Amino acid sequence: MRTQRTALALFWFGLAIAAAFAAIGTWALMRNLRTLTMEQLDATVWALDSPLFRLWAFSVPLGAILAAIGAFVYVKTRAVFSWITAVGVLGAVIAMVIVWSRVYNATLFGIGGGIILISFFAIVWIWMKQNAGRGVQEKTAASVKLIGYIFWIDASWFLCGESGIPHLKAFEGAPPPVPIEILVFLVLGWVFLLAGNYQEWRLRSSQ
């Protein structure tokens, strides 16, 4: 019982961190970014090298990691998953943001995009094999989730393209992209994944 309470506390604490900084923090930061120069920003609590800005930058990854660790503890999965998430995932996020994200590398984008594409079609193949013999309700829940994956691959495709535009000579002087379609694809992907997982949970709960 104590373990479950700890797990739920981690989940809700992670949610609180992510929600507070993604909502309230982003609102306050963007208000400053829209109205201040970089020199003026550096004189505020939102200076790019300030603890508050760094906490904002890592709030969603940190909140997600805490929530996931809480989930692992709650379902009593192997402890290695919590450690991988706490050390490996957080370490990778910090390394990517601080070290490897400073220089645009077209080759790296190409390799990463290829891995994403292969992974997507592998997921579709596994989905077909896994769900061919299932009942109607199970197929419905799985189908909703697959639609979410489709929106995610669309978001990945357009994100890759628009991330590269500012670094390409052919687009010099062009206005910066406004990635509304990426936001829409990501939102729809998450909504369909949520709906599919909810349907699966309801189905298992009723059995």
N, C-alpha and C. Protein backbone atom coordinates (compact mmCIF):
# COMPACT_ATOMS: atom_id res chain seq x y z
N MET A 1 0.84 -1.21 0.00
CA MET A 1 0.00 0.00 0.00
C MET A 1 0.87 1.25 0.00
N ARG A 2 1.96 1.25 0.82
CA ARG A 2 2.87 2.39 0.87
C ARG A 2 3.54 2.59 -0.49
N THR A 3 3.87 1.48 -1.16
CA THR A 3 4.50 1.57 -2.47
C THR A 3 3.58 2.23 -3.48
N GLN A 4 2.30 1.86 -3.43
CA GLN A 4 1.34 2.47 -4.35
C GLN A 4 1.17 3.96 -4.08
N ARG A 5 1.16 4.34 -2.80
CA ARG A 5 1.05 5.77 -2.47
C ARG A 5 2.26 6.54 -2.98
N THR A 6 3.43 5.95 -2.83
CA THR A 6 4.65 6.59 -3.36
C THR A 6 4.59 6.73 -4.86
N ALA A 7 4.12 5.68 -5.52
CA ALA A 7 4.00 5.70 -6.98
C ALA A 7 3.04 6.79 -7.43
N LEU A 8 1.90 6.88 -6.78
CA LEU A 8 0.92 7.90 -7.14
C LEU A 8 1.45 9.30 -6.85
N ALA A 9 2.20 9.45 -5.76
CA ALA A 9 2.80 10.75 -5.44
C ALA A 9 3.79 11.18 -6.53
N LEU A 10 4.60 10.24 -7.02
CA LEU A 10 5.52 10.54 -8.11
C LEU A 10 4.78 10.96 -9.36
N PHE A 11 3.70 10.23 -9.68
CA PHE A 11 2.91 10.56 -10.86
C PHE A 11 2.35 11.97 -10.76
N TRP A 12 1.68 12.28 -9.64
CA TRP A 12 1.04 13.58 -9.50
C TRP A 12 2.05 14.71 -9.39
N PHE A 13 3.21 14.46 -8.79
CA PHE A 13 4.25 15.48 -8.71
C PHE A 13 4.80 15.78 -10.10
N GLY A 14 5.02 14.72 -10.89
CA GLY A 14 5.47 14.92 -12.27
C GLY A 14 4.46 15.70 -13.08
N LEU A 15 3.18 15.35 -12.90
CA LEU A 15 2.12 16.07 -13.60
C LEU A 15 2.09 17.54 -13.19
N ALA A 16 2.25 17.80 -11.91
CA ALA A 16 2.21 19.18 -11.40
C ALA A 16 3.36 20.02 -11.97
N ILE A 17 4.56 19.43 -12.00
CA ILE A 17 5.71 20.16 -12.54
C ILE A 17 5.49 20.50 -14.01
N ALA A 18 5.10 19.49 -14.78
CA ALA A 18 4.90 19.71 -16.22
C ALA A 18 3.79 20.71 -16.47
N ALA A 19 2.67 20.56 -15.78
CA ALA A 19 1.52 21.44 -16.01
C ALA A 19 1.83 22.88 -15.60
N ALA A 20 2.47 23.05 -14.45
CA ALA A 20 2.75 24.39 -13.94
C ALA A 20 3.68 25.16 -14.88
N PHE A 21 4.75 24.51 -15.30
CA PHE A 21 5.71 25.22 -16.14
C PHE A 21 5.27 25.29 -17.59
N ALA A 22 4.59 24.26 -18.10
CA ALA A 22 4.14 24.29 -19.48
C ALA A 22 3.02 25.31 -19.67
N ALA A 23 2.21 25.52 -18.65
CA ALA A 23 1.10 26.47 -18.76
C ALA A 23 1.49 27.84 -18.25
N ILE A 24 1.59 27.97 -16.93
CA ILE A 24 1.89 29.27 -16.32
C ILE A 24 3.28 29.76 -16.71
N GLY A 25 4.26 28.88 -16.64
CA GLY A 25 5.62 29.27 -16.98
C GLY A 25 5.76 29.73 -18.42
N THR A 26 5.18 28.98 -19.35
CA THR A 26 5.27 29.35 -20.76
C THR A 26 4.57 30.68 -21.02
N TRP A 27 3.43 30.90 -20.38
CA TRP A 27 2.72 32.16 -20.56
C TRP A 27 3.58 33.34 -20.13
N ALA A 28 4.22 33.23 -18.96
CA ALA A 28 5.06 34.31 -18.45
C ALA A 28 6.31 34.49 -19.32
N LEU A 29 6.93 33.39 -19.72
CA LEU A 29 8.14 33.48 -20.54
C LEU A 29 7.84 34.09 -21.90
N MET A 30 6.79 33.62 -22.56
CA MET A 30 6.47 34.12 -23.89
C MET A 30 6.10 35.59 -23.86
N ARG A 31 5.46 36.05 -22.79
CA ARG A 31 5.15 37.47 -22.67
C ARG A 31 6.42 38.30 -22.69
N ASN A 32 7.47 37.80 -22.02
CA ASN A 32 8.76 38.49 -22.02
C ASN A 32 9.47 38.38 -23.36
N LEU A 33 9.42 37.20 -23.98
CA LEU A 33 10.10 36.99 -25.25
C LEU A 33 9.50 37.85 -26.36
N ARG A 34 8.19 38.11 -26.27
CA ARG A 34 7.53 38.91 -27.30
C ARG A 34 7.79 40.41 -27.15
N THR A 35 8.13 40.85 -25.96
CA THR A 35 8.20 42.29 -25.71
C THR A 35 9.60 42.80 -25.37
N LEU A 36 10.53 41.92 -25.04
CA LEU A 36 11.85 42.34 -24.60
C LEU A 36 12.93 41.95 -25.58
N THR A 37 14.01 42.73 -25.59
CA THR A 37 15.19 42.34 -26.34
C THR A 37 15.96 41.31 -25.49
N MET A 38 16.98 40.69 -26.09
CA MET A 38 17.76 39.70 -25.35
C MET A 38 18.46 40.34 -24.17
N GLU A 39 18.95 41.56 -24.34
CA GLU A 39 19.61 42.25 -23.24
C GLU A 39 18.64 42.52 -22.10
N GLN A 40 17.42 42.94 -22.44
CA GLN A 40 16.40 43.17 -21.42
C GLN A 40 15.97 41.88 -20.75
N LEU A 41 15.87 40.81 -21.54
CA LEU A 41 15.49 39.51 -20.98
C LEU A 41 16.52 39.03 -19.96
N ASP A 42 17.81 39.27 -20.26
CA ASP A 42 18.87 38.83 -19.36
C ASP A 42 18.81 39.50 -18.00
N ALA A 43 18.08 40.61 -17.91
CA ALA A 43 17.95 41.31 -16.64
C ALA A 43 16.75 40.83 -15.83
N THR A 44 16.01 39.85 -16.35
CA THR A 44 14.84 39.32 -15.67
C THR A 44 15.14 37.93 -15.11
N VAL A 45 14.16 37.37 -14.41
CA VAL A 45 14.32 36.00 -13.87
C VAL A 45 14.31 34.96 -14.98
N TRP A 46 13.93 35.37 -16.21
CA TRP A 46 13.86 34.44 -17.33
C TRP A 46 15.11 34.48 -18.20
N ALA A 47 16.21 35.05 -17.72
CA ALA A 47 17.46 35.03 -18.48
C ALA A 47 17.77 33.59 -18.90
N LEU A 48 18.32 33.44 -20.10
CA LEU A 48 18.49 32.10 -20.66
C LEU A 48 19.43 31.22 -19.84
N ASP A 49 20.29 31.83 -19.03
CA ASP A 49 21.19 31.03 -18.19
C ASP A 49 20.72 30.98 -16.74
N SER A 50 19.48 31.41 -16.49
CA SER A 50 18.96 31.43 -15.12
C SER A 50 18.40 30.06 -14.72
N PRO A 51 18.38 29.75 -13.43
CA PRO A 51 17.81 28.48 -12.97
C PRO A 51 16.34 28.33 -13.36
N LEU A 52 15.58 29.45 -13.34
CA LEU A 52 14.16 29.36 -13.68
C LEU A 52 13.95 28.95 -15.13
N PHE A 53 14.74 29.55 -16.04
CA PHE A 53 14.60 29.19 -17.45
C PHE A 53 14.99 27.73 -17.67
N ARG A 54 16.06 27.29 -17.01
CA ARG A 54 16.49 25.89 -17.18
C ARG A 54 15.46 24.93 -16.61
N LEU A 55 14.86 25.32 -15.49
CA LEU A 55 13.81 24.47 -14.93
C LEU A 55 12.62 24.41 -15.87
N TRP A 56 12.28 25.54 -16.48
CA TRP A 56 11.19 25.55 -17.47
C TRP A 56 11.54 24.64 -18.65
N ALA A 57 12.77 24.76 -19.16
CA ALA A 57 13.18 24.00 -20.33
C ALA A 57 13.09 22.49 -20.10
N PHE A 58 13.38 22.05 -18.87
CA PHE A 58 13.39 20.62 -18.58
C PHE A 58 12.14 20.17 -17.83
N SER A 59 11.16 21.07 -17.64
CA SER A 59 10.00 20.73 -16.81
C SER A 59 9.17 19.58 -17.38
N VAL A 60 8.88 19.63 -18.67
CA VAL A 60 8.05 18.57 -19.26
C VAL A 60 8.81 17.24 -19.31
N PRO A 61 10.08 17.21 -19.79
CA PRO A 61 10.82 15.93 -19.71
C PRO A 61 10.92 15.40 -18.28
N LEU A 62 11.21 16.28 -17.31
CA LEU A 62 11.34 15.85 -15.93
C LEU A 62 10.00 15.35 -15.38
N GLY A 63 8.92 16.10 -15.66
CA GLY A 63 7.60 15.68 -15.21
C GLY A 63 7.20 14.34 -15.81
N ALA A 64 7.49 14.17 -17.11
CA ALA A 64 7.16 12.91 -17.77
C ALA A 64 7.95 11.74 -17.18
N ILE A 65 9.22 11.98 -16.88
CA ILE A 65 10.06 10.93 -16.29
C ILE A 65 9.54 10.53 -14.91
N LEU A 66 9.21 11.51 -14.07
CA LEU A 66 8.68 11.22 -12.74
C LEU A 66 7.37 10.45 -12.82
N ALA A 67 6.48 10.87 -13.73
CA ALA A 67 5.20 10.18 -13.89
C ALA A 67 5.41 8.75 -14.37
N ALA A 68 6.35 8.55 -15.29
CA ALA A 68 6.62 7.21 -15.81
C ALA A 68 7.21 6.31 -14.72
N ILE A 69 8.13 6.86 -13.92
CA ILE A 69 8.69 6.08 -12.82
C ILE A 69 7.59 5.69 -11.85
N GLY A 70 6.70 6.64 -11.55
CA GLY A 70 5.55 6.33 -10.70
C GLY A 70 4.71 5.22 -11.28
N ALA A 71 4.52 5.23 -12.60
CA ALA A 71 3.74 4.19 -13.26
C ALA A 71 4.44 2.83 -13.15
N PHE A 72 5.76 2.81 -13.37
CA PHE A 72 6.51 1.57 -13.26
C PHE A 72 6.41 0.99 -11.85
N VAL A 73 6.54 1.86 -10.84
CA VAL A 73 6.46 1.41 -9.46
C VAL A 73 5.06 0.91 -9.13
N TYR A 74 4.06 1.61 -9.64
CA TYR A 74 2.67 1.26 -9.34
C TYR A 74 2.31 -0.14 -9.85
N VAL A 75 2.76 -0.47 -11.05
CA VAL A 75 2.42 -1.78 -11.62
C VAL A 75 3.45 -2.85 -11.23
N LYS A 76 4.47 -2.45 -10.45
CA LYS A 76 5.48 -3.38 -9.93
C LYS A 76 6.24 -4.10 -11.05
N THR A 77 6.65 -3.31 -12.05
CA THR A 77 7.47 -3.87 -13.10
C THR A 77 8.91 -3.96 -12.60
N ARG A 78 9.82 -4.44 -13.39
CA ARG A 78 11.20 -4.60 -12.97
C ARG A 78 11.82 -3.23 -12.66
N ALA A 79 12.62 -3.18 -11.62
CA ALA A 79 13.21 -1.93 -11.17
C ALA A 79 14.12 -1.31 -12.22
N VAL A 80 14.65 -2.15 -13.13
CA VAL A 80 15.57 -1.64 -14.14
C VAL A 80 14.90 -0.58 -15.02
N PHE A 81 13.59 -0.70 -15.24
CA PHE A 81 12.90 0.29 -16.08
C PHE A 81 12.88 1.66 -15.40
N SER A 82 12.69 1.68 -14.10
CA SER A 82 12.72 2.95 -13.37
C SER A 82 14.11 3.57 -13.42
N TRP A 83 15.14 2.74 -13.27
CA TRP A 83 16.50 3.26 -13.31
C TRP A 83 16.88 3.75 -14.69
N ILE A 84 16.48 3.01 -15.71
CA ILE A 84 16.76 3.44 -17.09
C ILE A 84 16.10 4.79 -17.36
N THR A 85 14.85 4.93 -16.89
CA THR A 85 14.12 6.17 -17.09
C THR A 85 14.76 7.31 -16.31
N ALA A 86 15.11 7.05 -15.04
CA ALA A 86 15.65 8.10 -14.18
C ALA A 86 17.04 8.56 -14.63
N VAL A 87 17.88 7.62 -15.02
CA VAL A 87 19.26 7.95 -15.36
C VAL A 87 19.45 8.09 -16.87
N GLY A 88 19.04 7.06 -17.60
CA GLY A 88 19.29 7.03 -19.04
C GLY A 88 18.51 8.07 -19.81
N VAL A 89 17.20 8.11 -19.60
CA VAL A 89 16.36 9.05 -20.35
C VAL A 89 16.69 10.49 -20.00
N LEU A 90 16.77 10.79 -18.70
CA LEU A 90 17.10 12.16 -18.29
C LEU A 90 18.48 12.56 -18.79
N GLY A 91 19.43 11.64 -18.70
CA GLY A 91 20.78 11.93 -19.20
C GLY A 91 20.79 12.21 -20.70
N ALA A 92 20.01 11.43 -21.45
CA ALA A 92 19.93 11.64 -22.90
C ALA A 92 19.32 12.99 -23.23
N VAL A 93 18.26 13.36 -22.49
CA VAL A 93 17.62 14.66 -22.73
C VAL A 93 18.59 15.80 -22.47
N ILE A 94 19.30 15.74 -21.34
CA ILE A 94 20.25 16.79 -20.99
C ILE A 94 21.37 16.87 -22.03
N ALA A 95 21.89 15.71 -22.44
CA ALA A 95 22.97 15.69 -23.42
C ALA A 95 22.52 16.27 -24.75
N MET A 96 21.32 15.90 -25.19
CA MET A 96 20.81 16.39 -26.46
C MET A 96 20.63 17.91 -26.46
N VAL A 97 20.07 18.42 -25.37
CA VAL A 97 19.78 19.86 -25.30
C VAL A 97 21.05 20.68 -25.13
N ILE A 98 21.94 20.24 -24.26
CA ILE A 98 23.11 21.05 -23.92
C ILE A 98 24.28 20.83 -24.87
N VAL A 99 24.47 19.59 -25.33
CA VAL A 99 25.67 19.27 -26.09
C VAL A 99 25.40 19.11 -27.58
N TRP A 100 24.48 18.21 -27.94
CA TRP A 100 24.37 17.80 -29.34
C TRP A 100 23.41 18.62 -30.18
N SER A 101 22.64 19.51 -29.58
CA SER A 101 21.65 20.26 -30.35
C SER A 101 22.16 21.62 -30.80
N ARG A 102 23.46 21.88 -30.67
CA ARG A 102 23.99 23.20 -31.00
C ARG A 102 24.27 23.39 -32.48
N VAL A 103 24.56 22.31 -33.22
CA VAL A 103 24.93 22.40 -34.62
C VAL A 103 24.00 21.54 -35.46
N TYR A 104 23.52 22.13 -36.58
CA TYR A 104 22.63 21.38 -37.48
C TYR A 104 23.46 20.36 -38.27
N ASN A 105 22.97 19.13 -38.30
CA ASN A 105 23.67 18.06 -39.00
C ASN A 105 22.66 17.32 -39.87
N ALA A 106 22.72 17.59 -41.18
CA ALA A 106 21.75 17.01 -42.11
C ALA A 106 21.84 15.48 -42.14
N THR A 107 23.05 14.94 -42.04
CA THR A 107 23.22 13.49 -42.06
C THR A 107 22.53 12.85 -40.86
N LEU A 108 22.70 13.47 -39.70
CA LEU A 108 22.06 12.95 -38.49
C LEU A 108 20.54 12.98 -38.63
N PHE A 109 20.01 14.07 -39.21
CA PHE A 109 18.57 14.15 -39.44
C PHE A 109 18.11 13.05 -40.39
N GLY A 110 18.92 12.78 -41.42
CA GLY A 110 18.55 11.75 -42.37
C GLY A 110 18.53 10.36 -41.75
N ILE A 111 19.55 10.07 -40.93
CA ILE A 111 19.61 8.78 -40.25
C ILE A 111 18.45 8.63 -39.28
N GLY A 112 18.21 9.69 -38.49
CA GLY A 112 17.10 9.65 -37.54
C GLY A 112 15.76 9.48 -38.22
N GLY A 113 15.57 10.21 -39.33
CA GLY A 113 14.32 10.08 -40.07
C GLY A 113 14.12 8.68 -40.62
N GLY A 114 15.21 8.08 -41.10
CA GLY A 114 15.13 6.71 -41.61
C GLY A 114 14.73 5.73 -40.53
N ILE A 115 15.32 5.90 -39.33
CA ILE A 115 14.98 5.02 -38.21
C ILE A 115 13.51 5.18 -37.83
N ILE A 116 13.02 6.43 -37.80
CA ILE A 116 11.61 6.68 -37.49
C ILE A 116 10.71 6.01 -38.51
N LEU A 117 11.06 6.15 -39.79
CA LEU A 117 10.23 5.58 -40.85
C LEU A 117 10.19 4.05 -40.77
N ILE A 118 11.34 3.44 -40.58
CA ILE A 118 11.41 1.98 -40.46
C ILE A 118 10.61 1.52 -39.24
N SER A 119 10.75 2.25 -38.14
CA SER A 119 10.03 1.89 -36.91
C SER A 119 8.53 1.95 -37.12
N PHE A 120 8.07 2.98 -37.83
CA PHE A 120 6.63 3.11 -38.06
C PHE A 120 6.07 1.93 -38.85
N PHE A 121 6.71 1.60 -39.97
CA PHE A 121 6.19 0.51 -40.78
C PHE A 121 6.35 -0.84 -40.08
N ALA A 122 7.36 -0.97 -39.22
CA ALA A 122 7.49 -2.18 -38.41
C ALA A 122 6.34 -2.28 -37.42
N ILE A 123 5.96 -1.13 -36.83
CA ILE A 123 4.82 -1.11 -35.91
C ILE A 123 3.54 -1.52 -36.63
N VAL A 124 3.34 -1.01 -37.85
CA VAL A 124 2.14 -1.37 -38.61
C VAL A 124 2.13 -2.87 -38.92
N TRP A 125 3.30 -3.41 -39.27
CA TRP A 125 3.39 -4.85 -39.57
C TRP A 125 3.06 -5.68 -38.33
N ILE A 126 3.65 -5.32 -37.19
CA ILE A 126 3.37 -6.02 -35.94
C ILE A 126 1.90 -5.87 -35.57
N TRP A 127 1.36 -4.67 -35.80
CA TRP A 127 -0.07 -4.42 -35.50
C TRP A 127 -0.95 -5.38 -36.28
N MET A 128 -0.66 -5.56 -37.56
CA MET A 128 -1.45 -6.47 -38.39
C MET A 128 -1.41 -7.89 -37.84
N LYS A 129 -0.21 -8.37 -37.52
CA LYS A 129 -0.06 -9.73 -37.03
C LYS A 129 -0.70 -9.91 -35.65
N GLN A 130 -0.61 -8.87 -34.83
CA GLN A 130 -1.08 -8.96 -33.45
C GLN A 130 -2.60 -8.90 -33.37
N ASN A 131 -3.24 -8.16 -34.26
CA ASN A 131 -4.67 -7.91 -34.13
C ASN A 131 -5.56 -8.68 -35.10
N ALA A 132 -4.96 -9.46 -35.97
CA ALA A 132 -5.76 -10.18 -36.97
C ALA A 132 -6.78 -11.11 -36.33
N GLY A 133 -6.42 -11.77 -35.23
CA GLY A 133 -7.31 -12.75 -34.63
C GLY A 133 -8.09 -12.25 -33.43
N ARG A 134 -8.06 -10.97 -33.15
CA ARG A 134 -8.73 -10.43 -31.97
C ARG A 134 -10.21 -10.15 -32.24
N GLY A 135 -10.94 -9.91 -31.15
CA GLY A 135 -12.36 -9.60 -31.27
C GLY A 135 -12.59 -8.19 -31.78
N VAL A 136 -13.85 -7.88 -32.06
CA VAL A 136 -14.22 -6.60 -32.66
C VAL A 136 -13.83 -5.43 -31.75
N GLN A 137 -14.14 -5.53 -30.46
CA GLN A 137 -13.85 -4.44 -29.55
C GLN A 137 -12.35 -4.21 -29.39
N GLU A 138 -11.59 -5.30 -29.34
CA GLU A 138 -10.13 -5.17 -29.24
C GLU A 138 -9.56 -4.55 -30.51
N LYS A 139 -10.10 -4.95 -31.66
CA LYS A 139 -9.64 -4.38 -32.93
C LYS A 139 -9.97 -2.89 -33.01
N THR A 140 -11.13 -2.51 -32.48
CA THR A 140 -11.53 -1.10 -32.51
C THR A 140 -10.56 -0.25 -31.71
N ALA A 141 -10.24 -0.69 -30.48
CA ALA A 141 -9.30 0.05 -29.64
C ALA A 141 -7.93 0.13 -30.30
N ALA A 142 -7.47 -0.98 -30.86
CA ALA A 142 -6.17 -1.00 -31.51
C ALA A 142 -6.16 -0.11 -32.76
N SER A 143 -7.28 -0.07 -33.48
CA SER A 143 -7.38 0.75 -34.69
C SER A 143 -7.30 2.24 -34.35
N VAL A 144 -7.94 2.63 -33.26
CA VAL A 144 -7.89 4.03 -32.83
C VAL A 144 -6.45 4.41 -32.51
N LYS A 145 -5.72 3.53 -31.83
CA LYS A 145 -4.32 3.80 -31.50
C LYS A 145 -3.47 3.90 -32.76
N LEU A 146 -3.73 3.05 -33.74
CA LEU A 146 -2.94 3.08 -34.97
C LEU A 146 -3.13 4.40 -35.71
N ILE A 147 -4.34 4.94 -35.69
CA ILE A 147 -4.57 6.25 -36.30
C ILE A 147 -3.70 7.30 -35.60
N GLY A 148 -3.57 7.18 -34.29
CA GLY A 148 -2.68 8.08 -33.55
C GLY A 148 -1.25 7.98 -34.04
N TYR A 149 -0.78 6.76 -34.28
CA TYR A 149 0.58 6.58 -34.79
C TYR A 149 0.75 7.22 -36.17
N ILE A 150 -0.30 7.15 -36.98
CA ILE A 150 -0.23 7.76 -38.31
C ILE A 150 -0.04 9.28 -38.18
N PHE A 151 -0.79 9.89 -37.29
CA PHE A 151 -0.62 11.33 -37.07
C PHE A 151 0.79 11.64 -36.55
N TRP A 152 1.34 10.76 -35.74
CA TRP A 152 2.69 10.98 -35.22
C TRP A 152 3.74 10.91 -36.32
N ILE A 153 3.60 9.97 -37.26
CA ILE A 153 4.58 9.89 -38.35
C ILE A 153 4.45 11.10 -39.25
N ASP A 154 3.21 11.61 -39.42
CA ASP A 154 3.01 12.83 -40.20
C ASP A 154 3.70 14.02 -39.51
N ALA A 155 3.53 14.10 -38.19
CA ALA A 155 4.18 15.18 -37.43
C ALA A 155 5.70 15.08 -37.55
N SER A 156 6.24 13.86 -37.47
CA SER A 156 7.68 13.66 -37.58
C SER A 156 8.20 14.11 -38.94
N TRP A 157 7.44 13.79 -39.99
CA TRP A 157 7.85 14.14 -41.35
C TRP A 157 7.91 15.65 -41.55
N PHE A 158 6.84 16.35 -41.14
CA PHE A 158 6.81 17.80 -41.32
C PHE A 158 7.77 18.50 -40.36
N LEU A 159 7.95 17.96 -39.18
CA LEU A 159 8.89 18.54 -38.22
C LEU A 159 10.31 18.48 -38.75
N CYS A 160 10.65 17.37 -39.36
CA CYS A 160 11.99 17.21 -39.94
C CYS A 160 12.22 18.26 -41.02
N GLY A 161 11.23 18.43 -41.90
CA GLY A 161 11.37 19.39 -42.99
C GLY A 161 11.48 20.82 -42.50
N GLU A 162 10.61 21.20 -41.59
CA GLU A 162 10.58 22.59 -41.14
C GLU A 162 11.76 22.91 -40.23
N SER A 163 12.32 21.91 -39.55
CA SER A 163 13.50 22.14 -38.72
C SER A 163 14.73 22.45 -39.58
N GLY A 164 14.75 21.89 -40.77
CA GLY A 164 15.90 22.09 -41.63
C GLY A 164 15.86 23.37 -42.44
N ILE A 165 14.68 23.95 -42.64
CA ILE A 165 14.54 25.14 -43.49
C ILE A 165 15.46 26.29 -43.09
N PRO A 166 15.56 26.66 -41.81
CA PRO A 166 16.43 27.79 -41.46
C PRO A 166 17.91 27.55 -41.74
N HIS A 167 18.30 26.30 -42.01
CA HIS A 167 19.71 25.98 -42.20
C HIS A 167 20.06 25.74 -43.67
N LEU A 168 19.09 25.94 -44.57
CA LEU A 168 19.32 25.66 -45.98
C LEU A 168 19.46 26.95 -46.78
N LYS A 169 20.46 27.00 -47.64
CA LYS A 169 20.76 28.22 -48.40
C LYS A 169 19.60 28.64 -49.29
N ALA A 170 18.90 27.66 -49.87
CA ALA A 170 17.79 27.98 -50.78
C ALA A 170 16.69 28.77 -50.09
N PHE A 171 16.60 28.68 -48.76
CA PHE A 171 15.52 29.36 -48.04
C PHE A 171 16.02 30.61 -47.29
N GLU A 172 17.22 31.09 -47.64
CA GLU A 172 17.75 32.29 -46.98
C GLU A 172 16.81 33.48 -47.21
N GLY A 173 16.50 34.19 -46.17
CA GLY A 173 15.62 35.35 -46.28
C GLY A 173 14.15 35.02 -46.23
N ALA A 174 13.80 33.73 -46.28
CA ALA A 174 12.39 33.35 -46.21
C ALA A 174 11.89 33.50 -44.78
N PRO A 175 10.61 33.80 -44.61
CA PRO A 175 10.08 33.91 -43.24
C PRO A 175 10.16 32.57 -42.52
N PRO A 176 10.34 32.60 -41.22
CA PRO A 176 10.43 31.33 -40.48
C PRO A 176 9.12 30.56 -40.57
N PRO A 177 9.19 29.23 -40.61
CA PRO A 177 7.96 28.43 -40.72
C PRO A 177 7.09 28.57 -39.48
N VAL A 178 5.79 28.46 -39.69
CA VAL A 178 4.82 28.46 -38.59
C VAL A 178 4.21 27.07 -38.55
N PRO A 179 4.73 26.19 -37.70
CA PRO A 179 4.40 24.75 -37.77
C PRO A 179 3.03 24.40 -37.18
N ILE A 180 1.97 25.04 -37.69
CA ILE A 180 0.63 24.75 -37.18
C ILE A 180 0.25 23.30 -37.47
N GLU A 181 0.61 22.82 -38.65
CA GLU A 181 0.23 21.45 -39.01
C GLU A 181 0.90 20.44 -38.09
N ILE A 182 2.14 20.73 -37.65
CA ILE A 182 2.81 19.83 -36.73
C ILE A 182 2.08 19.77 -35.41
N LEU A 183 1.66 20.92 -34.92
CA LEU A 183 0.89 20.96 -33.68
C LEU A 183 -0.41 20.16 -33.81
N VAL A 184 -1.11 20.34 -34.92
CA VAL A 184 -2.37 19.63 -35.14
C VAL A 184 -2.14 18.12 -35.18
N PHE A 185 -1.10 17.69 -35.92
CA PHE A 185 -0.80 16.26 -36.01
C PHE A 185 -0.45 15.68 -34.65
N LEU A 186 0.35 16.43 -33.86
CA LEU A 186 0.72 15.94 -32.54
C LEU A 186 -0.49 15.85 -31.62
N VAL A 187 -1.33 16.87 -31.65
CA VAL A 187 -2.55 16.86 -30.82
C VAL A 187 -3.44 15.69 -31.19
N LEU A 188 -3.69 15.50 -32.49
CA LEU A 188 -4.55 14.41 -32.93
C LEU A 188 -3.93 13.05 -32.58
N GLY A 189 -2.62 12.94 -32.73
CA GLY A 189 -1.96 11.69 -32.39
C GLY A 189 -2.14 11.35 -30.92
N TRP A 190 -1.92 12.33 -30.05
CA TRP A 190 -2.09 12.09 -28.61
C TRP A 190 -3.54 11.79 -28.26
N VAL A 191 -4.48 12.49 -28.89
CA VAL A 191 -5.90 12.26 -28.59
C VAL A 191 -6.32 10.84 -29.00
N PHE A 192 -5.89 10.40 -30.17
CA PHE A 192 -6.25 9.05 -30.62
C PHE A 192 -5.56 7.99 -29.77
N LEU A 193 -4.30 8.24 -29.35
CA LEU A 193 -3.63 7.28 -28.46
C LEU A 193 -4.35 7.21 -27.12
N LEU A 194 -4.76 8.35 -26.60
CA LEU A 194 -5.50 8.37 -25.34
C LEU A 194 -6.82 7.61 -25.48
N ALA A 195 -7.54 7.87 -26.57
CA ALA A 195 -8.82 7.20 -26.78
C ALA A 195 -8.65 5.69 -26.91
N GLY A 196 -7.62 5.26 -27.65
CA GLY A 196 -7.39 3.83 -27.82
C GLY A 196 -7.00 3.16 -26.52
N ASN A 197 -6.13 3.79 -25.75
CA ASN A 197 -5.74 3.22 -24.46
C ASN A 197 -6.92 3.18 -23.49
N TYR A 198 -7.74 4.21 -23.54
CA TYR A 198 -8.92 4.23 -22.67
C TYR A 198 -9.88 3.10 -23.03
N GLN A 199 -10.08 2.86 -24.33
CA GLN A 199 -10.95 1.78 -24.76
C GLN A 199 -10.40 0.43 -24.32
N GLU A 200 -9.09 0.24 -24.46
CA GLU A 200 -8.49 -1.02 -24.03
C GLU A 200 -8.65 -1.21 -22.53
N TRP A 201 -8.45 -0.16 -21.76
CA TRP A 201 -8.59 -0.24 -20.31
C TRP A 201 -10.03 -0.58 -19.92
N ARG A 202 -11.01 0.07 -20.54
CA ARG A 202 -12.41 -0.22 -20.26
C ARG A 202 -12.77 -1.64 -20.61
N LEU A 203 -12.22 -2.12 -21.73
CA LEU A 203 -12.50 -3.49 -22.17
C LEU A 203 -11.94 -4.50 -21.17
N ARG A 204 -10.72 -4.28 -20.72
CA ARG A 204 -10.11 -5.22 -19.77
C ARG A 204 -10.80 -5.14 -18.41
N SER A 205 -11.25 -3.93 -18.02
CA SER A 205 -11.90 -3.76 -16.74
C SER A 205 -13.25 -4.47 -16.68
N SER A 206 -13.89 -4.61 -17.85
CA SER A 206 -15.21 -5.22 -17.89
C SER A 206 -15.14 -6.74 -18.00
N GLN A 207 -13.96 -7.27 -18.21
CA GLN A 207 -13.82 -8.73 -18.38
C GLN A 207 -13.70 -9.43 -17.02
